[in-house]
Every structure is written in C-alpha cells, then in structure tokens.
Protein backbone atom coordinates (compact mmCIF):
# COMPACT_ATOMS: atom_id res chain seq x y z
CA MET A 1 16.54 20.77 4.57
CA THR A 2 17.22 17.10 5.38
CA SER A 3 18.57 18.01 8.82
CA GLN A 4 15.13 19.43 9.73
CA ILE A 5 13.30 16.15 9.12
CA SER A 6 13.26 13.87 12.16
CA GLU A 7 14.32 10.24 11.98
CA GLY A 8 10.82 9.13 12.95
CA ARG A 9 9.27 10.93 10.00
CA LYS A 10 11.87 9.49 7.63
CA THR A 11 11.18 6.00 8.94
CA LEU A 12 7.43 6.49 8.59
CA TYR A 13 7.85 7.75 5.03
CA TYR A 14 9.99 4.80 3.94
CA PHE A 15 7.76 2.30 5.75
CA GLY A 16 4.77 3.70 3.87
CA LEU A 17 6.71 3.44 0.62
CA ALA A 18 7.53 -0.21 1.35
CA LEU A 19 3.86 -0.94 2.07
CA MET A 20 2.87 0.69 -1.22
CA ILE A 21 5.40 -1.39 -3.16
CA ILE A 22 4.19 -4.62 -1.54
CA GLY A 23 0.56 -3.64 -2.14
CA GLY A 24 1.24 -2.82 -5.78
CA ILE A 25 2.95 -6.16 -6.32
CA LEU A 26 0.04 -7.99 -4.68
CA PHE A 27 -2.56 -6.15 -6.73
CA PHE A 28 -0.84 -6.39 -10.11
CA SER A 29 0.13 -10.03 -9.57
CA ASN A 30 -3.54 -10.86 -10.17
CA PHE A 31 -3.24 -9.79 -13.78
CA VAL A 32 -0.18 -11.97 -14.33
CA ILE A 33 -1.84 -14.96 -12.68
CA MET A 34 -5.00 -14.46 -14.75
CA ALA A 35 -2.98 -14.39 -17.94
CA LEU A 36 -1.03 -17.51 -17.03
CA ASN A 37 -4.16 -19.47 -16.07
CA PHE A 38 -6.39 -18.26 -18.90
CA GLY A 39 -9.00 -20.91 -19.73
CA ASP A 40 -8.22 -23.16 -16.75
CA PHE A 41 -11.38 -23.42 -14.65
CA SER A 42 -10.28 -26.20 -12.31
CA ASP A 43 -10.40 -25.30 -8.62
CA MET A 44 -12.31 -22.11 -9.38
CA LYS A 45 -13.59 -21.52 -5.81
CA ASP A 46 -10.14 -21.34 -4.20
CA SER A 47 -8.74 -19.34 -7.11
CA ALA A 48 -11.49 -16.74 -6.77
CA GLN A 49 -10.94 -16.42 -3.03
CA ASN A 50 -7.18 -15.98 -3.48
CA PHE A 51 -7.78 -13.46 -6.24
CA LEU A 52 -10.09 -11.41 -4.04
CA LEU A 53 -7.75 -11.50 -1.04
CA ARG A 54 -4.77 -10.39 -3.12
CA ALA A 55 -6.73 -7.59 -4.79
CA VAL A 56 -8.33 -6.20 -1.62
CA GLY A 57 -5.18 -6.69 0.45
CA GLY A 58 -3.03 -4.99 -2.17
CA MET A 59 -5.37 -2.01 -2.44
CA GLY A 60 -5.52 -1.76 1.35
CA LEU A 61 -1.73 -1.70 1.58
CA LEU A 62 -1.57 0.94 -1.16
CA ILE A 63 -4.02 3.17 0.72
CA VAL A 64 -2.40 2.72 4.15
CA GLY A 65 1.07 3.21 2.68
CA GLY A 66 0.02 6.41 0.94
CA PHE A 67 -1.47 7.73 4.17
CA LEU A 68 1.72 6.92 6.12
CA ARG A 69 3.85 8.54 3.41
CA SER A 70 1.81 11.74 3.59
CA ILE A 71 2.23 11.89 7.36
CA GLY A 72 5.95 11.18 7.07
CA SER A 73 6.54 13.79 4.39
CA ARG A 74 4.48 16.64 5.81
CA GLY A 75 4.15 15.79 9.49
CA LEU A 76 0.90 15.47 11.41
CA ALA A 77 -0.16 19.09 10.89
CA GLY A 78 0.70 19.23 7.19
CA SER A 79 -1.08 16.00 6.35
CA GLY A 80 -4.36 17.11 7.94
CA VAL A 81 -4.29 14.81 10.97
CA LEU A 82 -3.91 17.76 13.38
CA LEU A 83 -6.30 20.52 12.38
CA ASN A 84 -5.21 23.30 14.74
CA PRO A 85 -1.63 22.74 15.93
CA ASP A 86 -0.10 25.16 18.41
C-alpha cells in the first residue's frame, strides 16, 4: 500500500501534521502563560494582543494543517477538492 502513495502526497501529509503540531503548541501555550501570570495586570494591552495573535494563529494553523493532511492522505479527489475526477 505504501508504494502506491506518491512522495508529494506523503510530503503534504507530514507538512500538514507539522503545521498542526505548531498550531496546537501556539494555542495551548496561552493556557500555560495565563496560569503563570495569574493576577499580574501590568502591561495588559500588549499581553492581550499577544494572547489573541497566538490563539487565532494557532487555530488557523490547526485548520490549514488538517486540510493539508486530508489532501495528502486521500488525494485531491478523495478529500473533496476535485468533485468529478476523470
């Protein structure tokens, strides 16, 4: 079965997996940072902006990585990108 999967699809699958891991680390790092800085309200504006960027960026990487993994695992036709392949 592994000989039927092209190198491009394998690369796309593992690249999507790497993006999902990075996105998960970014997103869940917010919870660790919140716990470490509990009760410290100094420099709140910059902290809130960084929190939002990490959360949205992490979720974006999780979504894009999942999409790339689905294309890599099933191909363009199997993932729904091509609706009527020949």
